[in-house]
């Protein structure tokens, strides 16, 4: 598995809760990316006002089924980080 510099924001899925992780300069790790079409449907996103909240945990029930599936898949691969555009881009 290739180790690379982490994006500025990435989801840490290693624990029981999904948490937003703010990477410091030089932080490296393996991660999986999920980019999707946002469309017109309402979905969970991150903005500046909720950065701190997202770092403490993201409620499982608030994640789209696609995001839940991605988290479970990445956990089965034993990878700690997942980047989802709508949750990691502010």
N, C-alpha and C. Protein backbone atom coordinates (compact mmCIF):
# COMPACT_ATOMS: atom_id res chain seq x y z
N UNK A 1 0.84 -1.17 0.00
CA UNK A 1 0.00 0.00 0.00
C UNK A 1 0.89 1.23 0.00
N UNK A 2 0.60 2.14 -0.90
CA UNK A 2 1.41 3.36 -1.03
C UNK A 2 1.03 4.37 0.04
N UNK A 3 2.03 4.97 0.63
CA UNK A 3 1.84 6.06 1.59
C UNK A 3 2.10 7.36 0.85
N UNK A 4 1.21 8.33 1.05
CA UNK A 4 1.31 9.61 0.36
C UNK A 4 0.95 10.73 1.33
N UNK A 5 1.31 11.97 0.98
CA UNK A 5 0.86 13.10 1.82
C UNK A 5 -0.67 13.11 1.88
N UNK A 6 -1.20 13.35 3.08
CA UNK A 6 -2.65 13.40 3.25
C UNK A 6 -3.21 14.73 2.77
N UNK A 7 -4.44 14.71 2.25
CA UNK A 7 -5.11 15.98 1.95
C UNK A 7 -5.28 16.80 3.23
N UNK A 8 -5.59 18.06 3.10
CA UNK A 8 -5.76 18.94 4.26
C UNK A 8 -6.81 18.39 5.23
N UNK A 9 -7.90 17.89 4.69
CA UNK A 9 -8.97 17.29 5.50
C UNK A 9 -9.27 15.90 4.94
N UNK A 10 -9.41 14.94 5.84
CA UNK A 10 -9.70 13.56 5.46
C UNK A 10 -10.50 12.94 6.60
N UNK A 11 -11.29 11.94 6.29
CA UNK A 11 -12.07 11.27 7.33
C UNK A 11 -11.25 10.15 7.95
N UNK A 12 -11.23 10.09 9.27
CA UNK A 12 -10.58 9.00 9.99
C UNK A 12 -11.67 7.98 10.32
N UNK A 13 -11.57 6.81 9.73
CA UNK A 13 -12.61 5.78 9.91
C UNK A 13 -12.09 4.62 10.76
N UNK A 14 -10.97 4.82 11.46
CA UNK A 14 -10.34 3.74 12.21
C UNK A 14 -11.06 3.37 13.50
N UNK A 15 -11.81 4.30 14.05
CA UNK A 15 -12.51 4.03 15.31
C UNK A 15 -13.98 3.72 15.06
N UNK A 16 -14.73 3.64 16.12
CA UNK A 16 -16.16 3.35 15.97
C UNK A 16 -16.93 4.51 15.33
N UNK A 17 -16.40 5.73 15.46
CA UNK A 17 -17.04 6.91 14.87
C UNK A 17 -16.21 7.41 13.69
N UNK A 18 -16.89 7.99 12.72
CA UNK A 18 -16.22 8.65 11.60
C UNK A 18 -15.95 10.08 12.03
N UNK A 19 -14.68 10.50 11.92
CA UNK A 19 -14.30 11.85 12.36
C UNK A 19 -13.49 12.54 11.27
N UNK A 20 -13.70 13.84 11.15
CA UNK A 20 -12.89 14.64 10.25
C UNK A 20 -11.52 14.85 10.87
N UNK A 21 -10.49 14.59 10.10
CA UNK A 21 -9.10 14.73 10.57
C UNK A 21 -8.46 15.87 9.78
N UNK A 22 -7.89 16.84 10.50
CA UNK A 22 -7.16 17.93 9.85
C UNK A 22 -5.69 17.55 9.80
N UNK A 23 -5.18 17.32 8.62
CA UNK A 23 -3.80 16.89 8.47
C UNK A 23 -2.85 18.07 8.61
N UNK A 24 -1.75 17.84 9.28
CA UNK A 24 -0.69 18.83 9.39
C UNK A 24 0.25 18.67 8.21
N UNK A 25 1.03 19.71 7.95
CA UNK A 25 2.03 19.61 6.88
C UNK A 25 2.93 18.41 7.15
N UNK A 26 3.09 17.58 6.15
CA UNK A 26 3.96 16.43 6.29
C UNK A 26 3.26 15.16 6.73
N UNK A 27 2.00 15.24 7.16
CA UNK A 27 1.27 14.03 7.54
C UNK A 27 1.14 13.13 6.31
N UNK A 28 1.47 11.87 6.49
CA UNK A 28 1.36 10.91 5.40
C UNK A 28 0.53 9.71 5.83
N UNK A 29 -0.02 9.03 4.86
CA UNK A 29 -0.79 7.83 5.14
C UNK A 29 -1.41 7.29 3.86
N UNK A 30 -2.06 6.18 3.97
CA UNK A 30 -2.81 5.61 2.86
C UNK A 30 -4.25 6.06 3.00
N UNK A 31 -4.88 6.39 1.90
CA UNK A 31 -6.28 6.79 1.95
C UNK A 31 -6.97 6.43 0.64
N UNK A 32 -8.29 6.35 0.73
CA UNK A 32 -9.14 6.05 -0.42
C UNK A 32 -9.97 7.29 -0.70
N UNK A 33 -10.24 7.57 -1.97
CA UNK A 33 -11.04 8.73 -2.37
C UNK A 33 -12.39 8.29 -2.90
N UNK A 34 -13.42 9.04 -2.55
CA UNK A 34 -14.75 8.86 -3.13
C UNK A 34 -15.21 10.23 -3.62
N UNK A 35 -15.33 10.35 -4.91
CA UNK A 35 -15.87 11.56 -5.50
C UNK A 35 -17.18 11.17 -6.17
N UNK A 36 -18.15 12.02 -6.09
CA UNK A 36 -19.48 11.67 -6.58
C UNK A 36 -20.16 12.90 -7.14
N UNK A 37 -21.21 12.66 -7.88
CA UNK A 37 -22.01 13.76 -8.40
C UNK A 37 -22.96 14.23 -7.30
N UNK A 38 -22.89 15.49 -6.97
CA UNK A 38 -23.69 16.03 -5.89
C UNK A 38 -25.16 16.16 -6.30
N UNK A 39 -25.41 16.54 -7.52
CA UNK A 39 -26.78 16.68 -7.99
C UNK A 39 -27.56 17.72 -7.18
N UNK A 40 -28.87 17.60 -7.23
CA UNK A 40 -29.72 18.57 -6.54
C UNK A 40 -30.22 18.02 -5.20
N UNK A 41 -29.89 16.79 -4.87
CA UNK A 41 -30.38 16.21 -3.61
C UNK A 41 -29.63 16.80 -2.42
N UNK A 42 -30.29 16.84 -1.30
CA UNK A 42 -29.69 17.33 -0.07
C UNK A 42 -28.78 16.25 0.51
N UNK A 43 -27.56 16.62 0.83
CA UNK A 43 -26.65 15.66 1.44
C UNK A 43 -25.82 16.37 2.49
N UNK A 44 -25.21 15.59 3.32
CA UNK A 44 -24.35 16.13 4.37
C UNK A 44 -23.09 16.73 3.75
N UNK A 45 -22.74 17.91 4.19
CA UNK A 45 -21.53 18.60 3.74
C UNK A 45 -20.82 19.18 4.96
N UNK A 46 -19.69 19.78 4.72
CA UNK A 46 -18.93 20.44 5.79
C UNK A 46 -18.74 21.90 5.40
N UNK A 47 -18.93 22.78 6.38
CA UNK A 47 -18.62 24.19 6.18
C UNK A 47 -17.78 24.66 7.37
N UNK A 48 -17.31 25.87 7.31
CA UNK A 48 -16.41 26.37 8.37
C UNK A 48 -17.04 26.32 9.76
N UNK A 49 -18.33 26.57 9.84
CA UNK A 49 -19.00 26.60 11.14
C UNK A 49 -19.06 25.22 11.80
N UNK A 50 -18.99 24.16 11.02
CA UNK A 50 -19.12 22.82 11.62
C UNK A 50 -17.83 22.01 11.60
N UNK A 51 -16.70 22.62 11.28
CA UNK A 51 -15.43 21.90 11.28
C UNK A 51 -15.16 21.22 12.62
N UNK A 52 -15.26 21.97 13.69
CA UNK A 52 -14.99 21.44 15.04
C UNK A 52 -15.94 20.28 15.35
N UNK A 53 -17.21 20.44 15.03
CA UNK A 53 -18.21 19.39 15.27
C UNK A 53 -17.86 18.12 14.50
N UNK A 54 -17.47 18.26 13.25
CA UNK A 54 -17.11 17.10 12.42
C UNK A 54 -15.88 16.38 12.96
N UNK A 55 -14.97 17.14 13.62
CA UNK A 55 -13.76 16.53 14.18
C UNK A 55 -14.09 15.65 15.39
N UNK A 56 -15.22 15.90 16.04
CA UNK A 56 -15.63 15.09 17.19
C UNK A 56 -16.44 13.88 16.77
N UNK A 57 -16.93 13.88 15.55
CA UNK A 57 -17.68 12.72 15.06
C UNK A 57 -18.81 13.15 14.14
N UNK A 58 -19.09 12.27 13.19
CA UNK A 58 -20.18 12.50 12.25
C UNK A 58 -21.22 11.40 12.49
N UNK A 59 -22.44 11.76 12.83
CA UNK A 59 -23.46 10.74 13.11
C UNK A 59 -23.64 9.78 11.92
N UNK A 60 -23.57 8.50 12.20
CA UNK A 60 -23.70 7.47 11.16
C UNK A 60 -24.98 7.65 10.36
N UNK A 61 -26.07 7.92 11.05
CA UNK A 61 -27.38 8.04 10.38
C UNK A 61 -27.43 9.24 9.44
N UNK A 62 -26.54 10.22 9.61
CA UNK A 62 -26.54 11.39 8.74
C UNK A 62 -25.80 11.13 7.42
N UNK A 63 -25.05 10.05 7.35
CA UNK A 63 -24.29 9.72 6.14
C UNK A 63 -25.19 9.04 5.12
N UNK A 64 -25.04 9.42 3.85
CA UNK A 64 -25.75 8.73 2.78
C UNK A 64 -25.34 7.27 2.78
N UNK A 65 -26.19 6.41 2.28
CA UNK A 65 -25.88 4.98 2.21
C UNK A 65 -24.59 4.74 1.43
N UNK A 66 -24.36 5.50 0.38
CA UNK A 66 -23.12 5.38 -0.40
C UNK A 66 -21.91 5.66 0.48
N UNK A 67 -22.00 6.67 1.35
CA UNK A 67 -20.90 7.01 2.25
C UNK A 67 -20.71 5.92 3.30
N UNK A 68 -21.80 5.40 3.84
CA UNK A 68 -21.72 4.31 4.81
C UNK A 68 -21.04 3.09 4.19
N UNK A 69 -21.43 2.76 2.96
CA UNK A 69 -20.82 1.63 2.26
C UNK A 69 -19.32 1.86 2.05
N UNK A 70 -18.94 3.09 1.67
CA UNK A 70 -17.53 3.41 1.47
C UNK A 70 -16.75 3.27 2.77
N UNK A 71 -17.30 3.74 3.88
CA UNK A 71 -16.63 3.61 5.18
C UNK A 71 -16.43 2.13 5.51
N UNK A 72 -17.46 1.33 5.35
CA UNK A 72 -17.36 -0.10 5.67
C UNK A 72 -16.33 -0.78 4.77
N UNK A 73 -16.31 -0.43 3.49
CA UNK A 73 -15.36 -1.01 2.54
C UNK A 73 -13.92 -0.67 2.93
N UNK A 74 -13.67 0.61 3.23
CA UNK A 74 -12.33 1.06 3.59
C UNK A 74 -11.88 0.39 4.90
N UNK A 75 -12.78 0.24 5.85
CA UNK A 75 -12.45 -0.46 7.09
C UNK A 75 -12.05 -1.90 6.83
N UNK A 76 -12.76 -2.56 5.91
CA UNK A 76 -12.43 -3.96 5.58
C UNK A 76 -11.06 -4.06 4.92
N UNK A 77 -10.65 -3.01 4.23
CA UNK A 77 -9.33 -2.97 3.62
C UNK A 77 -8.24 -2.61 4.64
N UNK A 78 -8.67 -2.30 5.88
CA UNK A 78 -7.77 -1.90 6.96
C UNK A 78 -7.00 -0.62 6.60
N UNK A 79 -7.73 0.32 6.01
CA UNK A 79 -7.18 1.63 5.69
C UNK A 79 -7.83 2.64 6.63
N UNK A 80 -7.03 3.51 7.18
CA UNK A 80 -7.52 4.44 8.21
C UNK A 80 -8.29 5.63 7.65
N UNK A 81 -7.90 6.13 6.48
CA UNK A 81 -8.45 7.39 6.00
C UNK A 81 -9.27 7.25 4.73
N UNK A 82 -10.31 8.07 4.64
CA UNK A 82 -11.20 8.13 3.49
C UNK A 82 -11.45 9.60 3.18
N UNK A 83 -11.32 9.96 1.92
CA UNK A 83 -11.59 11.33 1.48
C UNK A 83 -12.87 11.31 0.66
N UNK A 84 -13.88 12.04 1.12
CA UNK A 84 -15.14 12.20 0.40
C UNK A 84 -15.29 13.69 0.14
N UNK A 85 -15.41 14.05 -1.14
CA UNK A 85 -15.37 15.48 -1.49
C UNK A 85 -16.36 16.33 -0.71
N UNK A 86 -17.63 15.94 -0.61
CA UNK A 86 -18.63 16.80 0.04
C UNK A 86 -18.41 16.93 1.55
N UNK A 87 -17.65 16.03 2.15
CA UNK A 87 -17.36 16.12 3.59
C UNK A 87 -16.00 16.72 3.89
N UNK A 88 -15.08 16.67 2.93
CA UNK A 88 -13.72 17.11 3.18
C UNK A 88 -13.38 18.45 2.55
N UNK A 89 -14.15 18.88 1.57
CA UNK A 89 -13.92 20.18 0.97
C UNK A 89 -14.84 21.19 1.66
N UNK A 90 -14.26 22.27 2.11
CA UNK A 90 -15.05 23.32 2.79
C UNK A 90 -15.32 24.42 1.78
